[in-house]
Amino acid sequence: MRAFNASTLASLQGGRAVSRGLLLFDFPSGLYGFWDGLGVLAYAGVDYVGAGKLITADQLDVAGSLDASTLTMKLTAIPDTDLDPGVLATIEAELYHQRPVTLSRAYFDPDTLALHSVERVYRGYVDQITHDYTIGGEAVLTCSVESRARDNTRRGARLRSDADQRRVDAADGGLRHAAISGNQDIYWGKYPGQVKK
């Protein structure tokens, strides 16, 4: 269950909360932030470019399974706006494949528009990006994203061994008997072959 801070909760309970979506790409060259408001929103050291209704996303699948879900997002660039075709062109020049992307929801005070809180709603990896350009007109960038649930089936390189554990912490001897513990016979009651006296 999600726990909101007091000011966000009060606005939500009063039916007066103003919310906007935030989209954050984490590329090798840096962070690209967009939001569906107007102007630039500075949050956590990132300037989110306002795109109004130019960002759309599929409805989130929040099933309780551990299966990875896919999400399709569209960024529509229009000349002479904050989200122009030049911005989308810089995204396409990035090494975007399998890079992290985060969707969040920002909550604002309805009167002062002060930011109450930002709640993360989805994290995933960029699978592929396609584009559709109209000369002198809008450009649409379609981004296919896989959720981080796919990490649940990923195999790691870690081993259940003393040597591997000591690479993490040289003083941690919690697995010092791991190599032999699976081969030890444990006897309950009388020892096998014990002679009755």
Protein backbone atom coordinates (compact mmCIF):
# COMPACT_ATOMS: atom_id res chain seq x y z
CA MET A 1 0.00 0.00 0.00
CA ARG A 2 1.33 3.41 -0.97
CA ALA A 3 1.92 5.99 1.77
CA PHE A 4 1.58 9.61 0.69
CA ASN A 5 2.94 12.53 2.67
CA ALA A 6 0.43 14.57 4.71
CA SER A 7 -0.03 17.42 2.23
CA THR A 8 -0.53 15.10 -0.75
CA LEU A 9 -2.95 12.95 1.23
CA ALA A 10 -4.97 15.99 2.32
CA SER A 11 -5.29 17.18 -1.30
CA LEU A 12 -6.29 13.72 -2.50
CA GLN A 13 -8.88 13.26 0.24
CA GLY A 14 -10.30 16.71 -0.47
CA GLY A 15 -10.56 15.88 -4.18
CA ARG A 16 -8.44 18.90 -5.04
CA ALA A 17 -5.11 17.31 -5.96
CA VAL A 18 -3.47 18.42 -9.19
CA SER A 19 -1.30 15.69 -10.70
CA ARG A 20 1.02 15.49 -13.67
CA GLY A 21 3.06 12.69 -15.21
CA LEU A 22 6.86 12.71 -15.29
CA LEU A 23 9.00 10.69 -17.68
CA LEU A 24 12.73 10.21 -17.08
CA PHE A 25 15.22 8.55 -19.45
CA ASP A 26 18.63 7.60 -18.05
CA PHE A 27 21.01 7.62 -21.02
CA PRO A 28 24.83 7.36 -20.99
CA SER A 29 25.14 11.08 -21.74
CA GLY A 30 22.78 12.08 -18.93
CA LEU A 31 19.16 12.32 -17.87
CA TYR A 32 16.30 13.41 -20.15
CA GLY A 33 13.18 14.53 -18.29
CA PHE A 34 9.73 15.33 -19.68
CA TRP A 35 6.44 16.09 -18.01
CA ASP A 36 2.88 16.67 -19.22
CA GLY A 37 2.69 20.19 -17.82
CA LEU A 38 3.87 23.46 -19.35
CA GLY A 39 7.27 25.09 -19.01
CA VAL A 40 10.22 23.53 -17.22
CA LEU A 41 9.81 21.66 -13.91
CA ALA A 42 13.01 21.33 -11.85
CA TYR A 43 12.95 18.28 -9.61
CA ALA A 44 15.78 16.25 -8.02
CA GLY A 45 18.42 18.00 -10.11
CA VAL A 46 16.66 17.32 -13.42
CA ASP A 47 14.91 19.87 -15.62
CA TYR A 48 11.74 18.22 -16.95
CA VAL A 49 10.73 19.74 -20.29
CA GLY A 50 7.05 20.56 -20.45
CA ALA A 51 5.20 18.79 -23.23
CA GLY A 52 1.55 19.23 -22.28
CA LYS A 53 -0.55 16.55 -23.97
CA LEU A 54 2.29 15.63 -26.33
CA ILE A 55 3.24 12.61 -24.17
CA THR A 56 0.96 9.58 -24.06
CA ALA A 57 1.42 6.13 -22.52
CA ASP A 58 -0.49 2.88 -22.48
CA GLN A 59 -2.50 2.06 -19.42
CA LEU A 60 -0.22 0.41 -16.88
CA ASP A 61 -0.61 -3.30 -16.29
CA VAL A 62 -0.21 -3.75 -12.53
CA ALA A 63 -0.94 -7.48 -12.31
CA GLY A 64 0.47 -9.27 -9.29
CA SER A 65 2.51 -11.77 -11.32
CA LEU A 66 6.28 -11.58 -11.66
CA ASP A 67 6.08 -11.51 -15.46
CA ALA A 68 7.58 -8.55 -17.29
CA SER A 69 5.02 -6.21 -18.82
CA THR A 70 5.49 -3.95 -21.81
CA LEU A 71 4.48 -0.34 -22.15
CA THR A 72 4.35 1.87 -25.21
CA MET A 73 4.89 5.62 -24.88
CA LYS A 74 4.63 8.28 -27.56
CA LEU A 75 6.33 11.66 -27.54
CA THR A 76 4.98 14.02 -30.17
CA ALA A 77 7.24 16.92 -31.09
CA ILE A 78 5.85 20.09 -32.66
CA PRO A 79 8.04 22.91 -34.00
CA ASP A 80 8.26 26.05 -31.82
CA THR A 81 7.32 24.21 -28.60
CA ASP A 82 9.44 23.03 -25.68
CA LEU A 83 9.28 19.51 -27.15
CA ASP A 84 10.45 20.20 -30.70
CA PRO A 85 11.76 17.71 -33.29
CA GLY A 86 15.34 18.66 -32.40
CA VAL A 87 14.88 17.31 -28.87
CA LEU A 88 13.59 13.99 -30.19
CA ALA A 89 16.52 13.82 -32.62
CA THR A 90 18.98 14.03 -29.74
CA ILE A 91 17.21 11.11 -28.01
CA GLU A 92 17.54 8.97 -31.12
CA ALA A 93 21.27 9.70 -31.22
CA GLU A 94 21.64 8.14 -27.76
CA LEU A 95 22.60 4.57 -26.93
CA TYR A 96 19.11 3.99 -25.60
CA HIS A 97 18.72 0.21 -25.86
CA GLN A 98 18.17 -1.38 -22.41
CA ARG A 99 18.63 1.95 -20.64
CA PRO A 100 16.45 2.71 -17.57
CA VAL A 101 13.25 4.72 -17.86
CA THR A 102 11.02 5.85 -14.99
CA LEU A 103 7.42 7.09 -14.96
CA SER A 104 6.31 9.09 -11.93
CA ARG A 105 3.30 11.12 -10.81
CA ALA A 106 3.80 14.58 -9.33
CA TYR A 107 1.19 16.09 -7.00
CA PHE A 108 0.75 19.86 -6.67
CA ASP A 109 -1.17 22.18 -4.39
CA PRO A 110 -4.25 23.32 -6.38
CA ASP A 111 -3.99 26.92 -5.14
CA THR A 112 -0.27 27.69 -5.05
CA LEU A 113 0.89 24.97 -7.50
CA ALA A 114 3.65 24.10 -5.01
CA LEU A 115 4.96 20.59 -5.48
CA HIS A 116 3.71 18.24 -2.73
CA SER A 117 5.41 15.01 -3.74
CA VAL A 118 6.55 12.80 -6.60
CA GLU A 119 5.59 9.12 -6.55
CA ARG A 120 7.22 6.56 -8.83
CA VAL A 121 4.67 4.41 -10.67
CA TYR A 122 6.72 2.42 -13.20
CA ARG A 123 10.33 1.52 -13.89
CA GLY A 124 11.61 -0.31 -16.92
CA TYR A 125 14.13 -0.54 -19.73
CA VAL A 126 13.92 0.94 -23.22
CA ASP A 127 13.59 -1.90 -25.71
CA GLN A 128 13.25 -0.02 -28.98
CA ILE A 129 12.47 3.42 -30.32
CA THR A 130 10.84 4.17 -33.67
CA HIS A 131 10.07 7.53 -35.23
CA ASP A 132 7.71 9.07 -37.75
CA TYR A 133 8.56 12.49 -39.16
CA THR A 134 6.46 14.90 -41.18
CA ILE A 135 8.57 17.45 -43.05
CA GLY A 136 7.90 20.87 -41.55
CA GLY A 137 5.41 19.36 -39.12
CA GLU A 138 5.26 17.11 -36.10
CA ALA A 139 7.54 14.22 -35.26
CA VAL A 140 6.40 11.21 -33.23
CA LEU A 141 8.82 9.07 -31.24
CA THR A 142 7.37 5.74 -30.10
CA CYS A 143 9.20 4.07 -27.25
CA SER A 144 8.65 0.43 -26.29
CA VAL A 145 9.57 -0.29 -22.67
CA GLU A 146 9.88 -3.54 -20.68
CA SER A 147 9.21 -3.46 -16.95
CA ARG A 148 11.94 -4.25 -14.44
CA ALA A 149 10.07 -7.41 -13.50
CA ARG A 150 12.17 -9.14 -16.15
CA ASP A 151 15.05 -8.95 -13.65
CA ASN A 152 13.21 -11.59 -11.61
CA THR A 153 14.29 -14.28 -14.08
CA ARG A 154 17.81 -13.02 -14.69
CA ARG A 155 20.64 -15.27 -13.58
CA GLY A 156 23.44 -13.74 -11.58
CA ALA A 157 27.13 -14.56 -11.33
CA ARG A 158 27.17 -14.77 -7.53
CA LEU A 159 27.96 -18.06 -5.79
CA ARG A 160 27.00 -19.37 -2.39
CA SER A 161 30.59 -19.68 -1.24
CA ASP A 162 32.94 -18.29 1.37
CA ALA A 163 35.24 -16.79 -1.27
CA ASP A 164 32.40 -14.97 -3.04
CA GLN A 165 30.97 -13.62 0.21
CA ARG A 166 34.39 -12.34 1.32
CA ARG A 167 34.64 -10.34 -1.93
CA VAL A 168 31.67 -8.36 -0.62
CA ASP A 169 32.99 -8.12 2.94
CA ALA A 170 36.37 -9.61 3.83
CA ALA A 171 35.36 -9.94 7.50
CA ASP A 172 32.09 -11.80 6.78
CA GLY A 173 32.60 -15.50 7.50
CA GLY A 174 28.91 -16.39 7.39
CA LEU A 175 29.44 -18.85 4.52
CA ARG A 176 32.76 -20.35 5.68
CA HIS A 177 31.17 -23.79 6.04
CA ALA A 178 29.02 -23.61 2.88
CA ALA A 179 31.33 -25.88 0.87
CA ILE A 180 30.95 -28.85 3.23
CA SER A 181 27.59 -28.24 4.89
CA GLY A 182 25.64 -29.98 2.11
CA ASN A 183 27.75 -33.14 2.45
CA GLN A 184 27.57 -33.65 6.20
CA ASP A 185 25.61 -36.52 7.69
CA ILE A 186 23.63 -35.57 10.77
CA TYR A 187 22.58 -38.37 13.06
CA TRP A 188 19.63 -38.17 15.38
CA GLY A 189 19.37 -40.62 18.26
CA LYS A 190 21.85 -43.48 18.30
CA TYR A 191 24.87 -43.42 16.08
CA PRO A 192 24.54 -46.01 13.26
CA GLY A 193 26.35 -49.22 14.09
CA GLN A 194 26.48 -48.43 17.79
CA VAL A 195 26.78 -51.63 19.78
CA LYS A 196 24.31 -52.13 22.57
CA LYS A 197 25.89 -52.74 25.93
